[in-house]
Amino acid sequence: MKAIKYIFLLLCMMLASCTGNWQRWVDASDDEVKIIRYDEVMDDFVSLNSYSALQRLNTEFSLQTSMLIENVLAIGDVQDPGIDRKLRAFYQDSIVQSLYAEVRRQYGDLEPEEEQLTEVFAALKKADTSFVVPCIYAQVCALNESIVISDSVIGVGLDKYLGADFPLYKDYYYSYQRRSMERDQIVPDILFYYLGDLYGAHTSRTLLQRMVTAGKIHWIISHLLKKPLYEEMNFTGERRAWCISHEKQVWNWLKENDMLQTTDWARIREFMDPREYTVFFGTGSSDQLGLWLGGQIVDSYMKHHKKAQWQELLHLHPDTIYQNSGYNP
């Protein structure tokens, strides 16, 4: 019983800490989103060996520091003796320092992203009164996770958004991976992973369900950001042209080969993840064909239900969307 009480007390303390951060990160009116520059606090600790910065990392940003050490960088446990020295040594690495230098150069402020998120979150709160505006912070993740989420706390790795032509990227990533490593992908990525976590990722098991869920989230984001769906899903140029001309062929192939109901993770990734091409359709084919089709299914649903509002999509199960979409390429 004492152990249970201790755990409950610890959870309450963690929640209070997060709530405290929340108040500092969001404008007093609760309308204006502010992205905390955790990366700058870390930079002070690493570059200046600042004790006050270290204190902030371990108290004010204890959740973020724990996630960074244990989950993103995976360099140990936050309670390990000497973990502070290990963390500082990690960030003093020459490659990580070159990433930090470029982040400083490109990201003097995050006002464009804050303005976009403020507008989008206001629309989401209006559409769904239970929607929780997340706490968002920036970090340098050493080319690990672009976006990390813990409940309503989101970390953004700015060093994963330095531009597709950033020289260092060419040593570590293929061209199909680099195409999404642009600054204008920060807001869409935040929205995709957060909305996906809130509205449906847990209900998707089959390839078809994952296709429709991803399509639903992208359709909503395209509406909120006032962008064409294909552009929001990052299908441009040859990829878009290939998908348009082969859509019927791909859809029929998936049905004929019983792929739509597969739960095989390798097969699902073949159709959902970025890659050079889709192996089942050969060199020159587009990748992420499941994502493309999912977007078209949701778009078809909305066209067949002209009185439906985008807000209704938030809570719709992917099976319901597909069965009532009238999709037939």
C-alpha atoms as a PDB file:
ATOM      1  CA  MET A   1       0.000   0.000   0.000  1.00  0.00           C
ATOM      2  CA  LYS A   2       2.843   2.395   0.820  1.00  0.00           C
ATOM      3  CA  ALA A   3       4.398   1.652  -2.583  1.00  0.00           C
ATOM      4  CA  ILE A   4       1.125   2.459  -4.341  1.00  0.00           C
ATOM      5  CA  LYS A   5       0.814   5.741  -2.417  1.00  0.00           C
ATOM      6  CA  TYR A   6       4.404   6.614  -3.333  1.00  0.00           C
ATOM      7  CA  ILE A   7       3.800   5.944  -7.034  1.00  0.00           C
ATOM      8  CA  PHE A   8       0.621   8.038  -6.955  1.00  0.00           C
ATOM      9  CA  LEU A   9       2.476  10.899  -5.254  1.00  0.00           C
ATOM     10  CA  LEU A  10       5.290  10.663  -7.812  1.00  0.00           C
ATOM     11  CA  LEU A  11       2.818  10.813 -10.700  1.00  0.00           C
ATOM     12  CA  CYS A  12       1.151  13.858  -9.156  1.00  0.00           C
ATOM     13  CA  MET A  13       4.526  15.575  -8.829  1.00  0.00           C
ATOM     14  CA  MET A  14       5.380  14.806 -12.479  1.00  0.00           C
ATOM     15  CA  LEU A  15       2.012  16.132 -13.603  1.00  0.00           C
ATOM     16  CA  ALA A  16       2.488  19.293 -11.560  1.00  0.00           C
ATOM     17  CA  SER A  17       5.935  19.758 -13.103  1.00  0.00           C
ATOM     18  CA  CYS A  18       4.559  19.408 -16.624  1.00  0.00           C
ATOM     19  CA  THR A  19       1.724  21.787 -15.819  1.00  0.00           C
ATOM     20  CA  GLY A  20       4.252  24.298 -14.545  1.00  0.00           C
ATOM     21  CA  ASN A  21       6.178  24.077 -17.802  1.00  0.00           C
ATOM     22  CA  TRP A  22       2.916  24.417 -19.720  1.00  0.00           C
ATOM     23  CA  GLN A  23       2.195  27.780 -18.148  1.00  0.00           C
ATOM     24  CA  ARG A  24       5.644  29.051 -19.096  1.00  0.00           C
ATOM     25  CA  TRP A  25       5.405  27.800 -22.674  1.00  0.00           C
ATOM     26  CA  VAL A  26       1.994  29.162 -23.567  1.00  0.00           C
ATOM     27  CA  ASP A  27       0.914  32.798 -23.564  1.00  0.00           C
ATOM     28  CA  ALA A  28      -1.164  33.894 -20.582  1.00  0.00           C
ATOM     29  CA  SER A  29      -4.196  34.118 -22.853  1.00  0.00           C
ATOM     30  CA  ASP A  30      -3.712  30.395 -23.590  1.00  0.00           C
ATOM     31  CA  ASP A  31      -4.051  31.212 -27.287  1.00  0.00           C
ATOM     32  CA  GLU A  32      -0.513  31.921 -28.478  1.00  0.00           C
ATOM     33  CA  VAL A  33       1.739  28.887 -28.857  1.00  0.00           C
ATOM     34  CA  LYS A  34       5.347  29.308 -27.766  1.00  0.00           C
ATOM     35  CA  ILE A  35       7.987  26.700 -28.572  1.00  0.00           C
ATOM     36  CA  ILE A  36      10.455  26.478 -25.712  1.00  0.00           C
ATOM     37  CA  ARG A  37      14.103  26.561 -26.789  1.00  0.00           C
ATOM     38  CA  TYR A  38      15.329  23.572 -24.831  1.00  0.00           C
ATOM     39  CA  ASP A  39      18.106  23.296 -27.428  1.00  0.00           C
ATOM     40  CA  GLU A  40      19.510  26.645 -26.291  1.00  0.00           C
ATOM     41  CA  VAL A  41      19.539  25.604 -22.635  1.00  0.00           C
ATOM     42  CA  MET A  42      21.409  22.438 -23.614  1.00  0.00           C
ATOM     43  CA  ASP A  43      23.807  24.533 -25.699  1.00  0.00           C
ATOM     44  CA  ASP A  44      24.609  26.701 -22.676  1.00  0.00           C
ATOM     45  CA  PHE A  45      25.327  23.595 -20.618  1.00  0.00           C
ATOM     46  CA  VAL A  46      27.569  22.029 -23.273  1.00  0.00           C
ATOM     47  CA  SER A  47      29.381  25.102 -24.599  1.00  0.00           C
ATOM     48  CA  LEU A  48      29.753  27.069 -21.376  1.00  0.00           C
ATOM     49  CA  ASN A  49      29.639  24.217 -18.851  1.00  0.00           C
ATOM     50  CA  SER A  50      26.936  26.313 -17.213  1.00  0.00           C
ATOM     51  CA  TYR A  51      25.820  24.986 -13.835  1.00  0.00           C
ATOM     52  CA  SER A  52      22.623  27.051 -13.941  1.00  0.00           C
ATOM     53  CA  ALA A  53      21.784  25.525 -17.338  1.00  0.00           C
ATOM     54  CA  LEU A  54      22.392  22.041 -15.913  1.00  0.00           C
ATOM     55  CA  GLN A  55      20.057  22.835 -13.022  1.00  0.00           C
ATOM     56  CA  ARG A  56      17.350  23.890 -15.483  1.00  0.00           C
ATOM     57  CA  LEU A  57      17.823  20.674 -17.489  1.00  0.00           C
ATOM     58  CA  ASN A  58      17.389  18.577 -14.352  1.00  0.00           C
ATOM     59  CA  THR A  59      14.537  20.500 -12.712  1.00  0.00           C
ATOM     60  CA  GLU A  60      12.541  22.733 -15.031  1.00  0.00           C
ATOM     61  CA  PHE A  61      12.972  20.296 -17.943  1.00  0.00           C
ATOM     62  CA  SER A  62      13.355  16.988 -16.131  1.00  0.00           C
ATOM     63  CA  LEU A  63      10.837  15.175 -18.357  1.00  0.00           C
ATOM     64  CA  GLN A  64      12.491  16.404 -21.543  1.00  0.00           C
ATOM     65  CA  THR A  65      15.973  15.548 -20.301  1.00  0.00           C
ATOM     66  CA  SER A  66      14.874  12.081 -19.258  1.00  0.00           C
ATOM     67  CA  MET A  67      13.286  11.439 -22.676  1.00  0.00           C
ATOM     68  CA  LEU A  68      16.404  12.724 -24.426  1.00  0.00           C
ATOM     69  CA  ILE A  69      18.895  10.643 -22.454  1.00  0.00           C
ATOM     70  CA  GLU A  70      16.921   7.415 -22.218  1.00  0.00           C
ATOM     71  CA  ASN A  71      14.807   7.310 -25.383  1.00  0.00           C
ATOM     72  CA  VAL A  72      16.230   9.605 -28.050  1.00  0.00           C
ATOM     73  CA  LEU A  73      19.992   9.332 -27.550  1.00  0.00           C
ATOM     74  CA  ALA A  74      19.821   6.062 -25.567  1.00  0.00           C
ATOM     75  CA  ILE A  75      23.070   6.809 -23.710  1.00  0.00           C
ATOM     76  CA  GLY A  76      21.992   5.569 -20.294  1.00  0.00           C
ATOM     77  CA  ASP A  77      19.589   6.146 -17.432  1.00  0.00           C
ATOM     78  CA  VAL A  78      18.934   9.675 -16.219  1.00  0.00           C
ATOM     79  CA  GLN A  79      19.808   8.490 -12.685  1.00  0.00           C
ATOM     80  CA  ASP A  80      23.162   6.967 -13.670  1.00  0.00           C
ATOM     81  CA  PRO A  81      26.182   8.398 -11.808  1.00  0.00           C
ATOM     82  CA  GLY A  82      28.089  10.708 -14.115  1.00  0.00           C
ATOM     83  CA  ILE A  83      25.287  10.909 -16.692  1.00  0.00           C
ATOM     84  CA  ASP A  84      25.703  14.709 -16.831  1.00  0.00           C
ATOM     85  CA  ARG A  85      29.328  14.349 -17.938  1.00  0.00           C
ATOM     86  CA  LYS A  86      28.358  11.668 -20.431  1.00  0.00           C
ATOM     87  CA  LEU A  87      25.632  13.881 -21.879  1.00  0.00           C
ATOM     88  CA  ARG A  88      27.984  16.840 -22.238  1.00  0.00           C
ATOM     89  CA  ALA A  89      30.668  14.679 -23.864  1.00  0.00           C
ATOM     90  CA  PHE A  90      28.106  13.352 -26.337  1.00  0.00           C
ATOM     91  CA  TYR A  91      27.143  16.854 -27.451  1.00  0.00           C
ATOM     92  CA  GLN A  92      30.795  17.921 -27.709  1.00  0.00           C
ATOM     93  CA  ASP A  93      31.297  15.459 -30.562  1.00  0.00           C
ATOM     94  CA  SER A  94      32.405  17.313 -33.707  1.00  0.00           C
ATOM     95  CA  ILE A  95      29.500  16.069 -35.842  1.00  0.00           C
ATOM     96  CA  VAL A  96      26.914  17.023 -33.231  1.00  0.00           C
ATOM     97  CA  GLN A  97      28.583  20.414 -32.868  1.00  0.00           C
ATOM     98  CA  SER A  98      28.319  20.967 -36.634  1.00  0.00           C
ATOM     99  CA  LEU A  99      24.603  20.214 -36.388  1.00  0.00           C
ATOM    100  CA  TYR A 100      24.269  22.661 -33.513  1.00  0.00           C
ATOM    101  CA  ALA A 101      26.084  25.353 -35.496  1.00  0.00           C
ATOM    102  CA  GLU A 102      23.655  24.959 -38.403  1.00  0.00           C
ATOM    103  CA  VAL A 103      20.644  24.974 -36.075  1.00  0.00           C
ATOM    104  CA  ARG A 104      21.874  28.250 -34.587  1.00  0.00           C
ATOM    105  CA  ARG A 105      22.299  29.698 -38.076  1.00  0.00           C
ATOM    106  CA  GLN A 106      18.918  28.632 -39.461  1.00  0.00           C
ATOM    107  CA  TYR A 107      16.721  28.818 -36.386  1.00  0.00           C
ATOM    108  CA  GLY A 108      17.300  32.158 -34.707  1.00  0.00           C
ATOM    109  CA  ASP A 109      13.590  32.084 -33.934  1.00  0.00           C
ATOM    110  CA  LEU A 110      10.589  29.835 -34.521  1.00  0.00           C
ATOM    111  CA  GLU A 111       7.971  32.533 -35.008  1.00  0.00           C
ATOM    112  CA  PRO A 112       6.620  31.203 -38.348  1.00  0.00           C
ATOM    113  CA  GLU A 113       6.017  27.779 -36.813  1.00  0.00           C
ATOM    114  CA  GLU A 114       4.493  29.279 -33.653  1.00  0.00           C
ATOM    115  CA  GLU A 115       2.076  31.399 -35.682  1.00  0.00           C
ATOM    116  CA  GLN A 116       0.978  28.421 -37.779  1.00  0.00           C
ATOM    117  CA  LEU A 117       0.490  26.189 -34.756  1.00  0.00           C
ATOM    118  CA  THR A 118      -1.406  28.895 -32.870  1.00  0.00           C
ATOM    119  CA  GLU A 119      -3.915  29.159 -35.716  1.00  0.00           C
ATOM    120  CA  VAL A 120      -4.255  25.410 -36.212  1.00  0.00           C
ATOM    121  CA  PHE A 121      -4.636  24.553 -32.526  1.00  0.00           C
ATOM    122  CA  ALA A 122      -7.283  27.266 -32.138  1.00  0.00           C
ATOM    123  CA  ALA A 123      -9.278  25.620 -34.934  1.00  0.00           C
ATOM    124  CA  LEU A 124      -8.851  22.182 -33.362  1.00  0.00           C
ATOM    125  CA  LYS A 125      -9.942  23.423 -29.928  1.00  0.00           C
ATOM    126  CA  LYS A 126     -13.022  24.959 -31.510  1.00  0.00           C
ATOM    127  CA  ALA A 127     -13.793  21.702 -33.316  1.00  0.00           C
ATOM    128  CA  ASP A 128     -13.147  19.464 -30.318  1.00  0.00           C
ATOM    129  CA  THR A 129     -13.509  20.991 -26.858  1.00  0.00           C
ATOM    130  CA  SER A 130     -11.550  18.082 -25.361  1.00  0.00           C
ATOM    131  CA  PHE A 131      -8.518  18.821 -27.554  1.00  0.00           C
ATOM    132  CA  VAL A 132      -5.404  19.488 -25.471  1.00  0.00           C
ATOM    133  CA  VAL A 133      -2.913  21.976 -26.886  1.00  0.00           C
ATOM    134  CA  PRO A 134       0.469  20.274 -26.462  1.00  0.00           C
ATOM    135  CA  CYS A 135       3.609  21.645 -24.836  1.00  0.00           C
ATOM    136  CA  ILE A 136       6.223  21.895 -27.606  1.00  0.00           C
ATOM    137  CA  TYR A 137       9.966  22.225 -27.215  1.00  0.00           C
ATOM    138  CA  ALA A 138      12.905  22.272 -29.632  1.00  0.00           C
ATOM    139  CA  GLN A 139      16.008  20.141 -29.241  1.00  0.00           C
ATOM    140  CA  VAL A 140      19.013  18.840 -31.155  1.00  0.00           C
ATOM    141  CA  CYS A 141      18.470  15.094 -31.388  1.00  0.00           C
ATOM    142  CA  ALA A 142      21.771  14.160 -33.090  1.00  0.00           C
ATOM    143  CA  LEU A 143      19.888  12.887 -36.154  1.00  0.00           C
ATOM    144  CA  ASN A 144      17.724  10.531 -34.114  1.00  0.00           C
ATOM    145  CA  GLU A 145      13.956  11.036 -33.749  1.00  0.00           C
ATOM    146  CA  SER A 146      12.492  14.035 -35.599  1.00  0.00           C
ATOM    147  CA  ILE A 147       9.425  14.155 -33.354  1.00  0.00           C
ATOM    148  CA  VAL A 148       9.003  12.622 -29.897  1.00  0.00           C
ATOM    149  CA  ILE A 149       5.717  12.596 -28.014  1.00  0.00           C
ATOM    150  CA  SER A 150       4.892  11.846 -24.400  1.00  0.00           C
ATOM    151  CA  ASP A 151       1.201  12.460 -23.748  1.00  0.00           C
ATOM    152  CA  SER A 152       0.748  16.154 -24.593  1.00  0.00           C
ATOM    153  CA  VAL A 153       4.461  17.009 -24.638  1.00  0.00           C
ATOM    154  CA  ILE A 154       6.174  17.160 -28.047  1.00  0.00           C
ATOM    155  CA  GLY A 155       9.875  17.459 -28.803  1.00  0.00           C
ATOM    156  CA  VAL A 156      11.086  18.621 -32.226  1.00  0.00           C
ATOM    157  CA  GLY A 157      14.600  17.761 -33.395  1.00  0.00           C
ATOM    158  CA  LEU A 158      15.592  20.867 -35.353  1.00  0.00           C
ATOM    159  CA  ASP A 159      18.708  19.150 -36.707  1.00  0.00           C
ATOM    160  CA  LYS A 160      16.408  16.888 -38.752  1.00  0.00           C
ATOM    161  CA  TYR A 161      15.042  19.909 -40.645  1.00  0.00           C
ATOM    162  CA  LEU A 162      18.131  21.620 -42.078  1.00  0.00           C
ATOM    163  CA  GLY A 163      17.196  21.210 -45.744  1.00  0.00           C
ATOM    164  CA  ALA A 164      17.429  18.287 -48.173  1.00  0.00           C
ATOM    165  CA  ASP A 165      20.719  19.609 -49.555  1.00  0.00           C
ATOM    166  CA  PHE A 166      22.442  20.017 -46.192  1.00  0.00           C
ATOM    167  CA  PRO A 167      25.857  18.395 -46.900  1.00  0.00           C
ATOM    168  CA  LEU A 168      25.998  16.198 -43.798  1.00  0.00           C
ATOM    169  CA  TYR A 169      22.657  14.588 -44.643  1.00  0.00           C
ATOM    170  CA  LYS A 170      24.096  13.140 -47.845  1.00  0.00           C
ATOM    171  CA  ASP A 171      26.465  11.006 -45.758  1.00  0.00           C
ATOM    172  CA  TYR A 172      23.639   9.439 -43.761  1.00  0.00           C
ATOM    173  CA  TYR A 173      20.410   9.536 -45.778  1.00  0.00           C
ATOM    174  CA  TYR A 174      19.061   8.519 -49.179  1.00  0.00           C
ATOM    175  CA  SER A 175      17.432  11.167 -51.357  1.00  0.00           C
ATOM    176  CA  TYR A 176      13.946   9.793 -50.614  1.00  0.00           C
ATOM    177  CA  GLN A 177      14.623  10.282 -46.899  1.00  0.00           C
ATOM    178  CA  ARG A 178      15.996  13.793 -47.318  1.00  0.00           C
ATOM    179  CA  ARG A 179      12.976  15.157 -49.190  1.00  0.00           C
ATOM    180  CA  SER A 180      11.061  15.603 -45.912  1.00  0.00           C
ATOM    181  CA  MET A 181      13.967  17.140 -43.983  1.00  0.00           C
ATOM    182  CA  GLU A 182      12.957  20.715 -44.765  1.00  0.00           C
ATOM    183  CA  ARG A 183      11.869  23.469 -42.403  1.00  0.00           C
ATOM    184  CA  ASP A 184       8.399  23.591 -43.938  1.00  0.00           C
ATOM    185  CA  GLN A 185       7.844  20.014 -42.731  1.00  0.00           C
ATOM    186  CA  ILE A 186       8.116  20.871 -39.027  1.00  0.00           C
ATOM    187  CA  VAL A 187       4.504  21.942 -38.519  1.00  0.00           C
ATOM    188  CA  PRO A 188       2.998  19.149 -40.682  1.00  0.00           C
ATOM    189  CA  ASP A 189       5.099  16.554 -38.832  1.00  0.00           C
ATOM    190  CA  ILE A 190       4.068  17.877 -35.413  1.00  0.00           C
ATOM    191  CA  LEU A 191       0.431  17.767 -36.465  1.00  0.00           C
ATOM    192  CA  PHE A 192       0.617  14.349 -38.128  1.00  0.00           C
ATOM    193  CA  TYR A 193       2.174  12.552 -35.175  1.00  0.00           C
ATOM    194  CA  TYR A 194       0.136  14.343 -32.515  1.00  0.00           C
ATOM    195  CA  LEU A 195      -3.215  14.036 -34.280  1.00  0.00           C
ATOM    196  CA  GLY A 196      -2.425  10.459 -35.231  1.00  0.00           C
ATOM    197  CA  ASP A 197      -1.779   9.692 -31.580  1.00  0.00           C
ATOM    198  CA  LEU A 198      -5.055  11.324 -30.536  1.00  0.00           C
ATOM    199  CA  TYR A 199      -7.384  10.282 -33.326  1.00  0.00           C
ATOM    200  CA  GLY A 200      -6.941   6.795 -34.559  1.00  0.00           C
ATOM    201  CA  ALA A 201      -3.477   5.284 -34.698  1.00  0.00           C
ATOM    202  CA  HIS A 202      -4.489   2.820 -31.960  1.00  0.00           C
ATOM    203  CA  THR A 203      -7.516   1.634 -33.995  1.00  0.00           C
ATOM    204  CA  SER A 204      -5.478   0.722 -37.071  1.00  0.00           C
ATOM    205  CA  ARG A 205      -4.149  -2.803 -37.517  1.00  0.00           C
ATOM    206  CA  THR A 206      -4.594  -3.802 -41.158  1.00  0.00           C
ATOM    207  CA  LEU A 207      -2.926  -2.150 -44.124  1.00  0.00           C
ATOM    208  CA  LEU A 208      -6.252  -0.676 -45.234  1.00  0.00           C
ATOM    209  CA  GLN A 209      -6.955   0.759 -41.784  1.00  0.00           C
ATOM    210  CA  ARG A 210      -3.495   2.308 -41.612  1.00  0.00           C
ATOM    211  CA  MET A 211      -3.908   3.720 -45.115  1.00  0.00           C
ATOM    212  CA  VAL A 212      -7.213   5.373 -44.262  1.00  0.00           C
ATOM    213  CA  THR A 213      -6.060   6.619 -40.853  1.00  0.00           C
ATOM    214  CA  ALA A 214      -2.978   8.253 -42.371  1.00  0.00           C
ATOM    215  CA  GLY A 215      -5.125   9.647 -45.179  1.00  0.00           C
ATOM    216  CA  LYS A 216      -7.598  11.038 -42.649  1.00  0.00           C
ATOM    217  CA  ILE A 217      -4.916  12.840 -40.665  1.00  0.00           C
ATOM    218  CA  HIS A 218      -3.269  14.240 -43.793  1.00  0.00           C
ATOM    219  CA  TRP A 219      -6.646  15.347 -45.187  1.00  0.00           C
ATOM    220  CA  ILE A 220      -7.394  17.273 -41.981  1.00  0.00           C
ATOM    221  CA  ILE A 221      -3.923  18.832 -41.946  1.00  0.00           C
ATOM    222  CA  SER A 222      -4.247  19.884 -45.585  1.00  0.00           C
ATOM    223  CA  HIS A 223      -7.507  21.615 -44.707  1.00  0.00           C
ATOM    224  CA  LEU A 224      -6.058  23.316 -41.634  1.00  0.00           C
ATOM    225  CA  LEU A 225      -2.926  24.484 -43.469  1.00  0.00           C
ATOM    226  CA  LYS A 226      -4.881  25.365 -46.626  1.00  0.00           C
ATOM    227  CA  LYS A 227      -2.712  23.185 -48.852  1.00  0.00           C
ATOM    228  CA  PRO A 228      -3.647  20.702 -51.607  1.00  0.00           C
ATOM    229  CA  LEU A 229      -3.805  17.164 -50.239  1.00  0.00           C
ATOM    230  CA  TYR A 230      -1.094  15.841 -52.574  1.00  0.00           C
ATOM    231  CA  GLU A 231       1.246  18.634 -51.504  1.00  0.00           C
ATOM    232  CA  GLU A 232       0.579  18.080 -47.803  1.00  0.00           C
ATOM    233  CA  MET A 233       1.360  14.362 -48.265  1.00  0.00           C
ATOM    234  CA  ASN A 234       4.563  15.393 -50.083  1.00  0.00           C
ATOM    235  CA  PHE A 235       3.585  13.845 -53.415  1.00  0.00           C
ATOM    236  CA  THR A 236       4.952  16.184 -56.044  1.00  0.00           C
ATOM    237  CA  GLY A 237       6.496  15.887 -59.495  1.00  0.00           C
ATOM    238  CA  GLU A 238       7.156  12.369 -60.765  1.00  0.00           C
ATOM    239  CA  ARG A 239       5.816  10.648 -57.630  1.00  0.00           C
ATOM    240  CA  ARG A 240       2.445  12.321 -57.975  1.00  0.00           C
ATOM    241  CA  ALA A 241       2.305  11.690 -61.732  1.00  0.00           C
ATOM    242  CA  TRP A 242       3.086   7.987 -61.241  1.00  0.00           C
ATOM    243  CA  CYS A 243       0.430   7.603 -58.542  1.00  0.00           C
ATOM    244  CA  ILE A 244      -2.234   9.281 -60.664  1.00  0.00           C
ATOM    245  CA  SER A 245      -1.537   7.137 -63.727  1.00  0.00           C
ATOM    246  CA  HIS A 246      -1.216   3.849 -61.800  1.00  0.00           C
ATOM    247  CA  GLU A 247      -3.820   4.323 -59.045  1.00  0.00           C
ATOM    248  CA  LYS A 248      -6.356   1.861 -60.463  1.00  0.00           C
ATOM    249  CA  GLN A 249      -3.651  -0.732 -61.162  1.00  0.00           C
ATOM    250  CA  VAL A 250      -2.257  -0.525 -57.628  1.00  0.00           C
ATOM    251  CA  TRP A 251      -5.705  -0.676 -56.006  1.00  0.00           C
ATOM    252  CA  ASN A 252      -6.728  -3.734 -58.030  1.00  0.00           C
ATOM    253  CA  TRP A 253      -3.417  -5.445 -57.278  1.00  0.00           C
ATOM    254  CA  LEU A 254      -3.891  -4.917 -53.546  1.00  0.00           C
ATOM    255  CA  LYS A 255      -7.391  -6.401 -53.681  1.00  0.00           C
ATOM    256  CA  GLU A 256      -6.444  -9.346 -55.889  1.00  0.00           C
ATOM    257  CA  ASN A 257      -3.504 -10.261 -53.659  1.00  0.00           C
ATOM    258  CA  ASP A 258      -5.445  -9.918 -50.377  1.00  0.00           C
ATOM    259  CA  MET A 259      -3.101  -7.186 -49.206  1.00  0.00           C
ATOM    260  CA  LEU A 260      -5.683  -4.754 -47.848  1.00  0.00           C
ATOM    261  CA  GLN A 261      -6.387  -6.867 -44.765  1.00  0.00           C
ATOM    262  CA  THR A 262      -2.818  -7.906 -44.068  1.00  0.00           C
ATOM    263  CA  THR A 263      -1.387  -7.207 -40.629  1.00  0.00           C
ATOM    264  CA  ASP A 264       2.114  -8.241 -41.682  1.00  0.00           C
ATOM    265  CA  TRP A 265       4.275  -5.335 -40.533  1.00  0.00           C
ATOM    266  CA  ALA A 266       6.855  -5.800 -43.297  1.00  0.00           C
ATOM    267  CA  ARG A 267       4.149  -5.655 -45.974  1.00  0.00           C
ATOM    268  CA  ILE A 268       2.528  -2.632 -44.329  1.00  0.00           C
ATOM    269  CA  ARG A 269       5.831  -0.772 -44.232  1.00  0.00           C
ATOM    270  CA  GLU A 270       6.441  -1.548 -47.904  1.00  0.00           C
ATOM    271  CA  PHE A 271       3.361   0.478 -48.785  1.00  0.00           C
ATOM    272  CA  MET A 272       3.482   3.155 -46.086  1.00  0.00           C
ATOM    273  CA  ASP A 273       7.125   4.078 -45.467  1.00  0.00           C
ATOM    274  CA  PRO A 274       9.393   6.256 -47.622  1.00  0.00           C
ATOM    275  CA  ARG A 275      11.705   4.223 -49.846  1.00  0.00           C
ATOM    276  CA  GLU A 276      13.285   4.379 -53.296  1.00  0.00           C
ATOM    277  CA  TYR A 277      10.381   2.561 -54.971  1.00  0.00           C
ATOM    278  CA  THR A 278       7.711  -0.044 -54.223  1.00  0.00           C
ATOM    279  CA  VAL A 279       9.245  -3.465 -54.765  1.00  0.00           C
ATOM    280  CA  PHE A 280       5.991  -5.028 -56.053  1.00  0.00           C
ATOM    281  CA  PHE A 281       5.831  -2.499 -58.898  1.00  0.00           C
ATOM    282  CA  GLY A 282       9.502  -2.263 -59.767  1.00  0.00           C
ATOM    283  CA  THR A 283      12.093   0.427 -60.322  1.00  0.00           C
ATOM    284  CA  GLY A 284      10.581   3.752 -61.279  1.00  0.00           C
ATOM    285  CA  SER A 285       7.414   3.242 -59.248  1.00  0.00           C
ATOM    286  CA  SER A 286       6.449   5.637 -56.478  1.00  0.00           C
ATOM    287  CA  ASP A 287       6.832   4.766 -52.822  1.00  0.00           C
ATOM    288  CA  GLN A 288       4.213   5.188 -50.069  1.00  0.00           C
ATOM    289  CA  LEU A 289       1.429   3.944 -52.328  1.00  0.00           C
ATOM    290  CA  GLY A 290      -0.695   3.095 -49.298  1.00  0.00           C
ATOM    291  CA  LEU A 291      -0.486   6.684 -48.122  1.00  0.00           C
ATOM    292  CA  TRP A 292      -1.522   7.974 -51.549  1.00  0.00           C
ATOM    293  CA  LEU A 293      -4.507   5.609 -51.736  1.00  0.00           C
ATOM    294  CA  GLY A 294      -5.530   6.413 -48.162  1.00  0.00           C
ATOM    295  CA  GLY A 295      -5.678  10.085 -49.031  1.00  0.00           C
ATOM    296  CA  GLN A 296      -7.826   9.372 -52.093  1.00  0.00           C
ATOM    297  CA  ILE A 297     -10.234   7.210 -50.066  1.00  0.00           C
ATOM    298  CA  VAL A 298     -10.759   9.975 -47.507  1.00  0.00           C
ATOM    299  CA  ASP A 299     -11.100  12.575 -50.246  1.00  0.00           C
ATOM    300  CA  SER A 300     -13.720  10.380 -51.913  1.00  0.00           C
ATOM    301  CA  TYR A 301     -15.577  10.076 -48.602  1.00  0.00           C
ATOM    302  CA  MET A 302     -15.740  13.847 -48.209  1.00  0.00           C
ATOM    303  CA  LYS A 303     -16.887  14.312 -51.812  1.00  0.00           C
ATOM    304  CA  HIS A 304     -19.675  11.767 -51.289  1.00  0.00           C
ATOM    305  CA  HIS A 305     -20.730  13.484 -48.051  1.00  0.00           C
ATOM    306  CA  LYS A 306     -20.770  17.125 -49.056  1.00  0.00           C
ATOM    307  CA  LYS A 307     -22.509  18.228 -45.866  1.00  0.00           C
ATOM    308  CA  ALA A 308     -19.876  16.560 -43.698  1.00  0.00           C
ATOM    309  CA  GLN A 309     -17.460  18.871 -41.900  1.00  0.00           C
ATOM    310  CA  TRP A 310     -13.764  18.113 -41.509  1.00  0.00           C
ATOM    311  CA  GLN A 311     -14.308  18.018 -37.752  1.00  0.00           C
ATOM    312  CA  GLU A 312     -16.380  14.850 -38.171  1.00  0.00           C
ATOM    313  CA  LEU A 313     -13.371  12.998 -39.545  1.00  0.00           C
ATOM    314  CA  LEU A 314     -11.506  13.310 -36.252  1.00  0.00           C
ATOM    315  CA  HIS A 315     -13.428  10.549 -34.514  1.00  0.00           C
ATOM    316  CA  LEU A 316     -14.466   8.383 -37.475  1.00  0.00           C
ATOM    317  CA  HIS A 317     -13.098   4.831 -37.530  1.00  0.00           C
ATOM    318  CA  PRO A 318     -11.141   4.018 -40.718  1.00  0.00           C
ATOM    319  CA  ASP A 319     -13.523   1.142 -41.537  1.00  0.00           C
ATOM    320  CA  THR A 320     -16.488   3.531 -41.437  1.00  0.00           C
ATOM    321  CA  ILE A 321     -14.722   5.972 -43.737  1.00  0.00           C
ATOM    322  CA  TYR A 322     -13.787   3.304 -46.287  1.00  0.00           C
ATOM    323  CA  GLN A 323     -17.161   1.563 -46.303  1.00  0.00           C
ATOM    324  CA  ASN A 324     -18.933   4.860 -46.973  1.00  0.00           C
ATOM    325  CA  SER A 325     -16.363   6.418 -49.284  1.00  0.00           C
ATOM    326  CA  GLY A 326     -17.631   5.129 -52.608  1.00  0.00           C
ATOM    327  CA  TYR A 327     -13.983   4.853 -53.603  1.00  0.00           C
ATOM    328  CA  ASN A 328     -13.542   3.163 -56.978  1.00  0.00           C
ATOM    329  CA  PRO A 329     -10.572   4.388 -59.026  1.00  0.00           C
END
